Structures are given as C-alpha cells and as structure tokens.
C-alpha cells in the first residue's frame, strides 16, 4: 500500500448561516511535515479537535478572504495558543492571505493587543500579492495561488506534495479563469458551490458552474462545499453533472479524503 501523501479533512462545509450540521467552510490538510488549515470561521477549532488534532499542531493557516465566516476565529485561535499547557506552540505559525493582509492583521492587533500573539516571533505573516504565488516551496509542500472573483483580496490555493499529488481550495469565487488555470490537472478541487443553479448570486458559483470549472481544468475529483441551506433541498450533484462527468463528492463536516 502506498503511503498517503495528503490527508484532507473537511472541517466545515457550510457558510455564515448557523447550522448544527455544517460549520463555516474550512479544510484541514496533513502532510508528513506540515498541517495546513484553510479558512478559520466560527466553529472550526471545535471541528479540529473532533478530528483528533490540536490547535498547536497547525503549522500554516491560509485565509481565502476576510469575510467573518472565513476568518473570524483567527483571533480566538491565536488567543488560545497563549494558554500555558505542556503542548503549547513551539514552532512558528505561518499566516498566509491575499492583498492587504498585513494591514488587516495590524488592525486586529490594535483591537486585541498582545492577546492574539503567543510570543514574539511565533507568527509569520505572508501576504500574497495580486499576482499570486507560482510554486513557492515550503517544508513538505509547494504552494501556488491565484486571485479569484469575490473580493479584492480573494485568493485560491493549490498545494502540491513531492509525490505529485495536489489539491486546490477555491475559497469563495465566481466564474474565474484563474481558478481554471490554478486547478489544471489537480487530483482534487474543493470548490465553493454556494447556491443551486436557479439561485445564482454575484461572487459565488453554483453546482453546474463548479462543474464547468472542474471540467475545463481537467481535475480528477470535484468536491462541492460552502453550501447554503438551499443546497440541501435540491440534488446539487445532479446539477453539477450537467457540466462535469467525473467523480463528485458533496462535502460534509468531518469527511476525510486521502491522496
């Protein structure tokens, strides 16, 4: 049996709408060297604990954009790392987000002071400019990113393992040529599909549009996430199949995938 390159856990498959079944959209990815958290909205830390991981295990946090349902639990996360127990953070935590992130972080510091930083030098701020990253190496993975159509700072991320396996996290986006290019031949595209086809809103995809992105990119598996309650009332898999004939997974909280 081949060793797992990437273990992917859906921490949250929902939105800003409170739900007992779906927490805010978030994904936890484990490699041998790194543990990566994509978005951290309300309820994500609890879901992380439910997977058996600790907040101190997380080595990188990626924010797709600055809407509260994608980043509001960052402050409690950093505050919790100050708790003086035996497993407290011993390595630098990298925080990675799009244009304006350094200012965004400074404004959080103005509001919360040193309560949100575990110790001097323990947080590294990495801001992705509007050109994105085209293959930046980290310990255990390579990062690519690209701006997508939602907010000015919105960015999608692609993680590639040395084995060749790769995963893309779209964040919130509308139809995006950048997302298609970034996702080219990825093993898994975790793609927002906020509302059913008949309820399309600006800045978000629907199942058939997510299918179109996956089809054009030639990904191997499409995972639909960031699902508003309306998505649970229709067959969104069938809608996605209008434009995509590959494997489709409807994200659920605590679902686990492996590459």
C-alpha atoms as a PDB file:
ATOM      1  CA  UNK A   1       0.000   0.000   0.000  1.00  0.00           C
ATOM      2  CA  UNK A   2       1.346   3.420  -0.982  1.00  0.00           C
ATOM      3  CA  UNK A   3       1.764   5.913   1.875  1.00  0.00           C
ATOM      4  CA  UNK A   4      -0.753   8.763   1.962  1.00  0.00           C
ATOM      5  CA  UNK A   5       0.667  11.992   0.565  1.00  0.00           C
ATOM      6  CA  UNK A   6      -2.161  14.309   1.625  1.00  0.00           C
ATOM      7  CA  UNK A   7      -4.858  13.624   4.191  1.00  0.00           C
ATOM      8  CA  UNK A   8      -7.732  16.050   3.660  1.00  0.00           C
ATOM      9  CA  UNK A   9     -10.397  16.623   6.309  1.00  0.00           C
ATOM     10  CA  UNK A  10     -13.450  18.801   5.744  1.00  0.00           C
ATOM     11  CA  UNK A  11     -13.828  20.730   8.992  1.00  0.00           C
ATOM     12  CA  UNK A  12     -16.692  22.854   7.744  1.00  0.00           C
ATOM     13  CA  UNK A  13     -18.857  22.627   4.630  1.00  0.00           C
ATOM     14  CA  UNK A  14     -21.219  25.489   5.372  1.00  0.00           C
ATOM     15  CA  UNK A  15     -21.464  29.262   5.329  1.00  0.00           C
ATOM     16  CA  UNK A  16     -22.302  32.166   7.624  1.00  0.00           C
ATOM     17  CA  UNK A  17     -25.701  30.565   8.311  1.00  0.00           C
ATOM     18  CA  UNK A  18     -25.661  28.859  11.744  1.00  0.00           C
ATOM     19  CA  UNK A  19     -26.074  25.101  11.424  1.00  0.00           C
ATOM     20  CA  UNK A  20     -25.576  22.088  13.656  1.00  0.00           C
ATOM     21  CA  UNK A  21     -24.548  20.003  10.626  1.00  0.00           C
ATOM     22  CA  UNK A  22     -22.340  22.440   8.719  1.00  0.00           C
ATOM     23  CA  UNK A  23     -19.790  24.742  10.321  1.00  0.00           C
ATOM     24  CA  UNK A  24     -18.169  27.579   8.378  1.00  0.00           C
ATOM     25  CA  UNK A  25     -16.214  26.436   5.331  1.00  0.00           C
ATOM     26  CA  UNK A  26     -12.794  25.075   6.301  1.00  0.00           C
ATOM     27  CA  UNK A  27     -10.365  22.325   5.276  1.00  0.00           C
ATOM     28  CA  UNK A  28      -7.516  20.700   7.224  1.00  0.00           C
ATOM     29  CA  UNK A  29      -4.708  19.094   5.209  1.00  0.00           C
ATOM     30  CA  UNK A  30      -1.950  16.957   6.683  1.00  0.00           C
ATOM     31  CA  UNK A  31       1.374  16.063   5.096  1.00  0.00           C
ATOM     32  CA  UNK A  32       4.262  14.325   6.818  1.00  0.00           C
ATOM     33  CA  UNK A  33       5.890  17.665   7.603  1.00  0.00           C
ATOM     34  CA  UNK A  34       3.030  20.164   7.802  1.00  0.00           C
ATOM     35  CA  UNK A  35      -0.548  20.592   8.954  1.00  0.00           C
ATOM     36  CA  UNK A  36      -2.439  23.179   6.948  1.00  0.00           C
ATOM     37  CA  UNK A  37      -5.683  24.919   7.829  1.00  0.00           C
ATOM     38  CA  UNK A  38      -7.659  26.640   5.070  1.00  0.00           C
ATOM     39  CA  UNK A  39     -10.015  29.288   6.480  1.00  0.00           C
ATOM     40  CA  UNK A  40     -10.994  29.586  10.104  1.00  0.00           C
ATOM     41  CA  UNK A  41     -14.531  30.805  10.673  1.00  0.00           C
ATOM     42  CA  UNK A  42     -16.818  30.151  13.665  1.00  0.00           C
ATOM     43  CA  UNK A  43     -16.749  26.581  14.977  1.00  0.00           C
ATOM     44  CA  UNK A  44     -13.620  25.457  13.154  1.00  0.00           C
ATOM     45  CA  UNK A  45     -11.498  24.905  16.275  1.00  0.00           C
ATOM     46  CA  UNK A  46     -14.096  22.519  17.688  1.00  0.00           C
ATOM     47  CA  UNK A  47     -14.162  20.580  14.432  1.00  0.00           C
ATOM     48  CA  UNK A  48     -10.353  20.442  14.507  1.00  0.00           C
ATOM     49  CA  UNK A  49     -10.466  18.848  17.958  1.00  0.00           C
ATOM     50  CA  UNK A  50     -13.045  16.374  16.711  1.00  0.00           C
ATOM     51  CA  UNK A  51     -10.525  15.102  14.151  1.00  0.00           C
ATOM     52  CA  UNK A  52      -8.055  14.408  16.950  1.00  0.00           C
ATOM     53  CA  UNK A  53      -5.779  17.340  16.093  1.00  0.00           C
ATOM     54  CA  UNK A  54      -4.723  20.181  18.375  1.00  0.00           C
ATOM     55  CA  UNK A  55      -4.503  23.865  17.585  1.00  0.00           C
ATOM     56  CA  UNK A  56      -0.795  23.514  18.370  1.00  0.00           C
ATOM     57  CA  UNK A  57      -0.411  21.038  15.501  1.00  0.00           C
ATOM     58  CA  UNK A  58      -1.370  23.594  12.854  1.00  0.00           C
ATOM     59  CA  UNK A  59       1.696  24.907  11.045  1.00  0.00           C
ATOM     60  CA  UNK A  60       0.021  27.136   8.430  1.00  0.00           C
ATOM     61  CA  UNK A  61      -3.302  28.980   8.225  1.00  0.00           C
ATOM     62  CA  UNK A  62      -4.488  30.128   4.796  1.00  0.00           C
ATOM     63  CA  UNK A  63      -7.255  32.726   4.551  1.00  0.00           C
ATOM     64  CA  UNK A  64      -9.105  32.850   1.249  1.00  0.00           C
ATOM     65  CA  UNK A  65     -10.520  36.288   2.116  1.00  0.00           C
ATOM     66  CA  UNK A  66     -11.563  38.430   5.072  1.00  0.00           C
ATOM     67  CA  UNK A  67     -15.297  37.769   5.412  1.00  0.00           C
ATOM     68  CA  UNK A  68     -16.067  36.775   9.025  1.00  0.00           C
ATOM     69  CA  UNK A  69     -17.250  33.258   8.170  1.00  0.00           C
ATOM     70  CA  UNK A  70     -13.769  32.572   6.773  1.00  0.00           C
ATOM     71  CA  UNK A  71     -11.508  34.293   9.305  1.00  0.00           C
ATOM     72  CA  UNK A  72     -13.387  35.315  12.488  1.00  0.00           C
ATOM     73  CA  UNK A  73     -11.927  32.510  14.617  1.00  0.00           C
ATOM     74  CA  UNK A  74      -8.347  33.573  13.896  1.00  0.00           C
ATOM     75  CA  UNK A  75      -8.296  35.813  16.982  1.00  0.00           C
ATOM     76  CA  UNK A  76      -9.617  33.098  19.366  1.00  0.00           C
ATOM     77  CA  UNK A  77      -7.168  30.640  17.781  1.00  0.00           C
ATOM     78  CA  UNK A  78      -4.185  32.899  18.498  1.00  0.00           C
ATOM     79  CA  UNK A  79      -5.527  33.744  21.961  1.00  0.00           C
ATOM     80  CA  UNK A  80      -5.872  30.035  22.782  1.00  0.00           C
ATOM     81  CA  UNK A  81      -2.234  29.396  21.854  1.00  0.00           C
ATOM     82  CA  UNK A  82      -1.219  31.544  24.840  1.00  0.00           C
ATOM     83  CA  UNK A  83      -2.695  29.029  27.260  1.00  0.00           C
ATOM     84  CA  UNK A  84       0.253  27.684  29.294  1.00  0.00           C
ATOM     85  CA  UNK A  85      -0.106  23.943  28.919  1.00  0.00           C
ATOM     86  CA  UNK A  86       2.554  21.346  28.058  1.00  0.00           C
ATOM     87  CA  UNK A  87       1.605  21.205  24.379  1.00  0.00           C
ATOM     88  CA  UNK A  88       1.942  24.936  23.736  1.00  0.00           C
ATOM     89  CA  UNK A  89       3.233  26.105  20.391  1.00  0.00           C
ATOM     90  CA  UNK A  90       6.914  25.501  19.839  1.00  0.00           C
ATOM     91  CA  UNK A  91       7.202  26.333  16.139  1.00  0.00           C
ATOM     92  CA  UNK A  92       6.367  29.408  14.103  1.00  0.00           C
ATOM     93  CA  UNK A  93       2.801  29.626  12.774  1.00  0.00           C
ATOM     94  CA  UNK A  94       2.604  30.931   9.202  1.00  0.00           C
ATOM     95  CA  UNK A  95      -0.458  33.019   8.333  1.00  0.00           C
ATOM     96  CA  UNK A  96      -0.995  33.369   4.579  1.00  0.00           C
ATOM     97  CA  UNK A  97      -3.612  35.519   2.852  1.00  0.00           C
ATOM     98  CA  UNK A  98      -4.201  37.912  -0.009  1.00  0.00           C
ATOM     99  CA  UNK A  99      -3.580  41.580  -0.688  1.00  0.00           C
ATOM    100  CA  UNK A 100      -3.978  43.807   2.368  1.00  0.00           C
ATOM    101  CA  UNK A 101      -3.381  41.048   4.900  1.00  0.00           C
ATOM    102  CA  UNK A 102      -0.554  42.832   6.735  1.00  0.00           C
ATOM    103  CA  UNK A 103      -2.815  45.830   7.349  1.00  0.00           C
ATOM    104  CA  UNK A 104      -5.719  43.556   8.282  1.00  0.00           C
ATOM    105  CA  UNK A 105      -3.530  41.826  10.863  1.00  0.00           C
ATOM    106  CA  UNK A 106      -2.254  45.130  12.262  1.00  0.00           C
ATOM    107  CA  UNK A 107      -5.843  46.279  12.735  1.00  0.00           C
ATOM    108  CA  UNK A 108      -6.602  43.085  14.672  1.00  0.00           C
ATOM    109  CA  UNK A 109      -3.592  43.811  16.868  1.00  0.00           C
ATOM    110  CA  UNK A 110      -4.885  47.317  17.507  1.00  0.00           C
ATOM    111  CA  UNK A 111      -8.187  45.866  18.677  1.00  0.00           C
ATOM    112  CA  UNK A 112      -6.843  42.933  20.725  1.00  0.00           C
ATOM    113  CA  UNK A 113      -3.259  43.847  21.562  1.00  0.00           C
ATOM    114  CA  UNK A 114      -0.815  41.138  22.576  1.00  0.00           C
ATOM    115  CA  UNK A 115      -3.682  38.782  23.497  1.00  0.00           C
ATOM    116  CA  UNK A 116      -3.612  37.466  19.969  1.00  0.00           C
ATOM    117  CA  UNK A 117       0.098  36.669  19.645  1.00  0.00           C
ATOM    118  CA  UNK A 118       1.527  33.657  21.504  1.00  0.00           C
ATOM    119  CA  UNK A 119       5.068  35.059  21.759  1.00  0.00           C
ATOM    120  CA  UNK A 120       7.280  37.440  19.782  1.00  0.00           C
ATOM    121  CA  UNK A 121       8.433  35.795  16.575  1.00  0.00           C
ATOM    122  CA  UNK A 122       5.953  32.925  16.721  1.00  0.00           C
ATOM    123  CA  UNK A 123       3.704  34.293  13.980  1.00  0.00           C
ATOM    124  CA  UNK A 124       4.876  34.809  10.407  1.00  0.00           C
ATOM    125  CA  UNK A 125       2.693  36.996   8.171  1.00  0.00           C
ATOM    126  CA  UNK A 126       2.834  36.210   4.448  1.00  0.00           C
ATOM    127  CA  UNK A 127       0.839  38.422   2.110  1.00  0.00           C
ATOM    128  CA  UNK A 128       0.040  37.152  -1.379  1.00  0.00           C
ATOM    129  CA  UNK A 129       0.013  39.980  -3.916  1.00  0.00           C
ATOM    130  CA  UNK A 130      -2.363  40.173  -6.863  1.00  0.00           C
ATOM    131  CA  UNK A 131      -0.013  38.072  -8.985  1.00  0.00           C
ATOM    132  CA  UNK A 132      -0.208  35.133  -6.575  1.00  0.00           C
ATOM    133  CA  UNK A 133       2.495  32.548  -5.887  1.00  0.00           C
ATOM    134  CA  UNK A 134       3.727  30.335  -8.705  1.00  0.00           C
ATOM    135  CA  UNK A 135       5.391  27.482  -6.899  1.00  0.00           C
ATOM    136  CA  UNK A 136       6.689  28.753  -3.569  1.00  0.00           C
ATOM    137  CA  UNK A 137       8.356  25.876  -1.667  1.00  0.00           C
ATOM    138  CA  UNK A 138       7.533  25.144   1.972  1.00  0.00           C
ATOM    139  CA  UNK A 139       8.547  22.258   4.207  1.00  0.00           C
ATOM    140  CA  UNK A 140       6.672  19.273   2.779  1.00  0.00           C
ATOM    141  CA  UNK A 141       4.659  21.042   0.068  1.00  0.00           C
ATOM    142  CA  UNK A 142       4.712  23.625  -2.695  1.00  0.00           C
ATOM    143  CA  UNK A 143       2.209  26.471  -2.789  1.00  0.00           C
ATOM    144  CA  UNK A 144       0.628  28.052  -5.820  1.00  0.00           C
ATOM    145  CA  UNK A 145      -2.092  30.673  -5.559  1.00  0.00           C
ATOM    146  CA  UNK A 146      -4.126  32.979  -7.732  1.00  0.00           C
ATOM    147  CA  UNK A 147      -6.638  35.796  -7.211  1.00  0.00           C
ATOM    148  CA  UNK A 148     -10.275  34.847  -7.801  1.00  0.00           C
ATOM    149  CA  UNK A 149     -13.517  36.788  -8.266  1.00  0.00           C
ATOM    150  CA  UNK A 150     -15.122  37.517  -4.902  1.00  0.00           C
ATOM    151  CA  UNK A 151     -13.367  40.317  -3.038  1.00  0.00           C
ATOM    152  CA  UNK A 152     -10.217  42.310  -3.793  1.00  0.00           C
ATOM    153  CA  UNK A 153      -8.131  40.081  -1.520  1.00  0.00           C
ATOM    154  CA  UNK A 154      -9.756  36.783  -2.514  1.00  0.00           C
ATOM    155  CA  UNK A 155      -7.319  34.038  -3.409  1.00  0.00           C
ATOM    156  CA  UNK A 156      -7.451  30.322  -4.244  1.00  0.00           C
ATOM    157  CA  UNK A 157      -4.668  27.979  -3.151  1.00  0.00           C
ATOM    158  CA  UNK A 158      -3.049  24.883  -4.669  1.00  0.00           C
ATOM    159  CA  UNK A 159      -0.992  22.532  -2.521  1.00  0.00           C
ATOM    160  CA  UNK A 160       1.333  20.086  -4.286  1.00  0.00           C
ATOM    161  CA  UNK A 161       3.084  17.232  -2.493  1.00  0.00           C
ATOM    162  CA  UNK A 162       6.534  15.951  -3.596  1.00  0.00           C
ATOM    163  CA  UNK A 163       4.770  12.727  -4.659  1.00  0.00           C
ATOM    164  CA  UNK A 164       2.971  14.721  -7.359  1.00  0.00           C
ATOM    165  CA  UNK A 165      -0.453  14.701  -5.643  1.00  0.00           C
ATOM    166  CA  UNK A 166      -2.227  18.057  -5.476  1.00  0.00           C
ATOM    167  CA  UNK A 167      -5.294  19.743  -4.037  1.00  0.00           C
ATOM    168  CA  UNK A 168      -6.947  23.077  -4.811  1.00  0.00           C
ATOM    169  CA  UNK A 169      -9.086  25.084  -2.392  1.00  0.00           C
ATOM    170  CA  UNK A 170     -11.120  27.670  -4.281  1.00  0.00           C
ATOM    171  CA  UNK A 171     -12.303  29.859  -1.436  1.00  0.00           C
ATOM    172  CA  UNK A 172     -15.312  31.955  -2.377  1.00  0.00           C
ATOM    173  CA  UNK A 173     -15.376  32.804  -6.063  1.00  0.00           C
ATOM    174  CA  UNK A 174     -17.472  33.471  -9.119  1.00  0.00           C
ATOM    175  CA  UNK A 175     -16.505  32.117 -12.560  1.00  0.00           C
ATOM    176  CA  UNK A 176     -12.728  32.508 -12.648  1.00  0.00           C
ATOM    177  CA  UNK A 177     -10.188  31.860 -15.386  1.00  0.00           C
ATOM    178  CA  UNK A 178      -7.502  31.993 -12.706  1.00  0.00           C
ATOM    179  CA  UNK A 179      -9.175  29.133 -10.837  1.00  0.00           C
ATOM    180  CA  UNK A 180      -9.243  27.035 -14.012  1.00  0.00           C
ATOM    181  CA  UNK A 181      -5.530  27.636 -14.624  1.00  0.00           C
ATOM    182  CA  UNK A 182      -4.590  27.021 -10.995  1.00  0.00           C
ATOM    183  CA  UNK A 183      -6.596  23.777 -10.873  1.00  0.00           C
ATOM    184  CA  UNK A 184      -5.134  22.306 -14.057  1.00  0.00           C
ATOM    185  CA  UNK A 185      -4.835  18.514 -13.599  1.00  0.00           C
ATOM    186  CA  UNK A 186      -5.256  18.698  -9.819  1.00  0.00           C
ATOM    187  CA  UNK A 187      -6.237  15.487  -8.046  1.00  0.00           C
ATOM    188  CA  UNK A 188      -8.941  17.219  -6.007  1.00  0.00           C
ATOM    189  CA  UNK A 189     -10.682  20.568  -6.466  1.00  0.00           C
ATOM    190  CA  UNK A 190     -12.522  21.630  -3.318  1.00  0.00           C
ATOM    191  CA  UNK A 191     -14.822  24.177  -4.869  1.00  0.00           C
ATOM    192  CA  UNK A 192     -17.424  26.502  -3.484  1.00  0.00           C
ATOM    193  CA  UNK A 193     -20.952  25.848  -4.739  1.00  0.00           C
ATOM    194  CA  UNK A 194     -22.888  28.255  -2.609  1.00  0.00           C
ATOM    195  CA  UNK A 195     -26.402  28.003  -4.037  1.00  0.00           C
ATOM    196  CA  UNK A 196     -28.368  25.840  -6.515  1.00  0.00           C
ATOM    197  CA  UNK A 197     -28.326  26.715 -10.191  1.00  0.00           C
ATOM    198  CA  UNK A 198     -31.601  28.634 -10.031  1.00  0.00           C
ATOM    199  CA  UNK A 199     -30.402  30.914  -7.224  1.00  0.00           C
ATOM    200  CA  UNK A 200     -27.105  32.236  -8.627  1.00  0.00           C
ATOM    201  CA  UNK A 201     -25.755  35.339  -6.882  1.00  0.00           C
ATOM    202  CA  UNK A 202     -22.817  37.544  -7.792  1.00  0.00           C
ATOM    203  CA  UNK A 203     -19.474  36.439  -6.383  1.00  0.00           C
ATOM    204  CA  UNK A 204     -20.396  32.772  -5.952  1.00  0.00           C
ATOM    205  CA  UNK A 205     -20.639  29.594  -8.015  1.00  0.00           C
ATOM    206  CA  UNK A 206     -23.489  27.136  -8.456  1.00  0.00           C
ATOM    207  CA  UNK A 207     -23.092  23.353  -8.899  1.00  0.00           C
ATOM    208  CA  UNK A 208     -23.121  23.460 -12.707  1.00  0.00           C
ATOM    209  CA  UNK A 209     -20.629  26.355 -12.738  1.00  0.00           C
ATOM    210  CA  UNK A 210     -18.351  24.500 -10.315  1.00  0.00           C
ATOM    211  CA  UNK A 211     -18.648  21.525 -12.667  1.00  0.00           C
ATOM    212  CA  UNK A 212     -17.654  23.736 -15.568  1.00  0.00           C
ATOM    213  CA  UNK A 213     -14.547  24.924 -13.697  1.00  0.00           C
ATOM    214  CA  UNK A 214     -13.583  21.312 -12.900  1.00  0.00           C
ATOM    215  CA  UNK A 215     -14.188  20.126 -16.447  1.00  0.00           C
ATOM    216  CA  UNK A 216     -12.122  22.865 -18.033  1.00  0.00           C
ATOM    217  CA  UNK A 217      -9.293  22.296 -15.541  1.00  0.00           C
ATOM    218  CA  UNK A 218      -9.250  18.537 -16.054  1.00  0.00           C
ATOM    219  CA  UNK A 219      -9.239  17.738 -12.344  1.00  0.00           C
ATOM    220  CA  UNK A 220      -9.710  14.165 -11.154  1.00  0.00           C
ATOM    221  CA  UNK A 221     -12.307  14.727  -8.406  1.00  0.00           C
ATOM    222  CA  UNK A 222     -14.654  17.627  -7.637  1.00  0.00           C
ATOM    223  CA  UNK A 223     -15.742  18.323  -4.060  1.00  0.00           C
ATOM    224  CA  UNK A 224     -18.653  20.768  -3.628  1.00  0.00           C
ATOM    225  CA  UNK A 225     -18.554  22.821  -0.435  1.00  0.00           C
ATOM    226  CA  UNK A 226     -19.579  26.186   1.104  1.00  0.00           C
ATOM    227  CA  UNK A 227     -23.176  25.061   0.874  1.00  0.00           C
ATOM    228  CA  UNK A 228     -26.047  27.302   1.955  1.00  0.00           C
ATOM    229  CA  UNK A 229     -29.152  25.523   3.347  1.00  0.00           C
ATOM    230  CA  UNK A 230     -30.851  25.769  -0.048  1.00  0.00           C
ATOM    231  CA  UNK A 231     -28.300  23.272  -1.378  1.00  0.00           C
ATOM    232  CA  UNK A 232     -29.645  20.604   0.961  1.00  0.00           C
ATOM    233  CA  UNK A 233     -33.105  20.912  -0.622  1.00  0.00           C
ATOM    234  CA  UNK A 234     -32.127  20.034  -4.194  1.00  0.00           C
ATOM    235  CA  UNK A 235     -29.941  17.461  -5.940  1.00  0.00           C
ATOM    236  CA  UNK A 236     -26.807  19.560  -6.397  1.00  0.00           C
ATOM    237  CA  UNK A 237     -24.855  16.516  -7.575  1.00  0.00           C
ATOM    238  CA  UNK A 238     -27.236  16.166 -10.493  1.00  0.00           C
ATOM    239  CA  UNK A 239     -26.867  19.870 -11.253  1.00  0.00           C
ATOM    240  CA  UNK A 240     -23.061  19.580 -11.285  1.00  0.00           C
ATOM    241  CA  UNK A 241     -23.311  16.601 -13.643  1.00  0.00           C
ATOM    242  CA  UNK A 242     -24.715  18.915 -16.323  1.00  0.00           C
ATOM    243  CA  UNK A 243     -21.170  20.159 -16.921  1.00  0.00           C
ATOM    244  CA  UNK A 244     -18.927  17.563 -15.248  1.00  0.00           C
ATOM    245  CA  UNK A 245     -18.804  13.815 -15.832  1.00  0.00           C
ATOM    246  CA  UNK A 246     -16.138  12.927 -13.275  1.00  0.00           C
ATOM    247  CA  UNK A 247     -16.393  11.923  -9.607  1.00  0.00           C
ATOM    248  CA  UNK A 248     -18.394  14.349  -7.436  1.00  0.00           C
ATOM    249  CA  UNK A 249     -18.336  14.481  -3.653  1.00  0.00           C
ATOM    250  CA  UNK A 250     -20.771  16.605  -1.643  1.00  0.00           C
ATOM    251  CA  UNK A 251     -18.770  17.870   1.317  1.00  0.00           C
ATOM    252  CA  UNK A 252     -19.892  17.042   4.837  1.00  0.00           C
ATOM    253  CA  UNK A 253     -18.306  18.124   8.087  1.00  0.00           C
ATOM    254  CA  UNK A 254     -15.590  15.713   9.306  1.00  0.00           C
ATOM    255  CA  UNK A 255     -15.441  13.907   5.958  1.00  0.00           C
ATOM    256  CA  UNK A 256     -11.938  12.569   5.239  1.00  0.00           C
ATOM    257  CA  UNK A 257     -10.250  12.152   1.845  1.00  0.00           C
ATOM    258  CA  UNK A 258      -6.782  10.791   1.097  1.00  0.00           C
ATOM    259  CA  UNK A 259      -4.323  11.145  -1.775  1.00  0.00           C
END
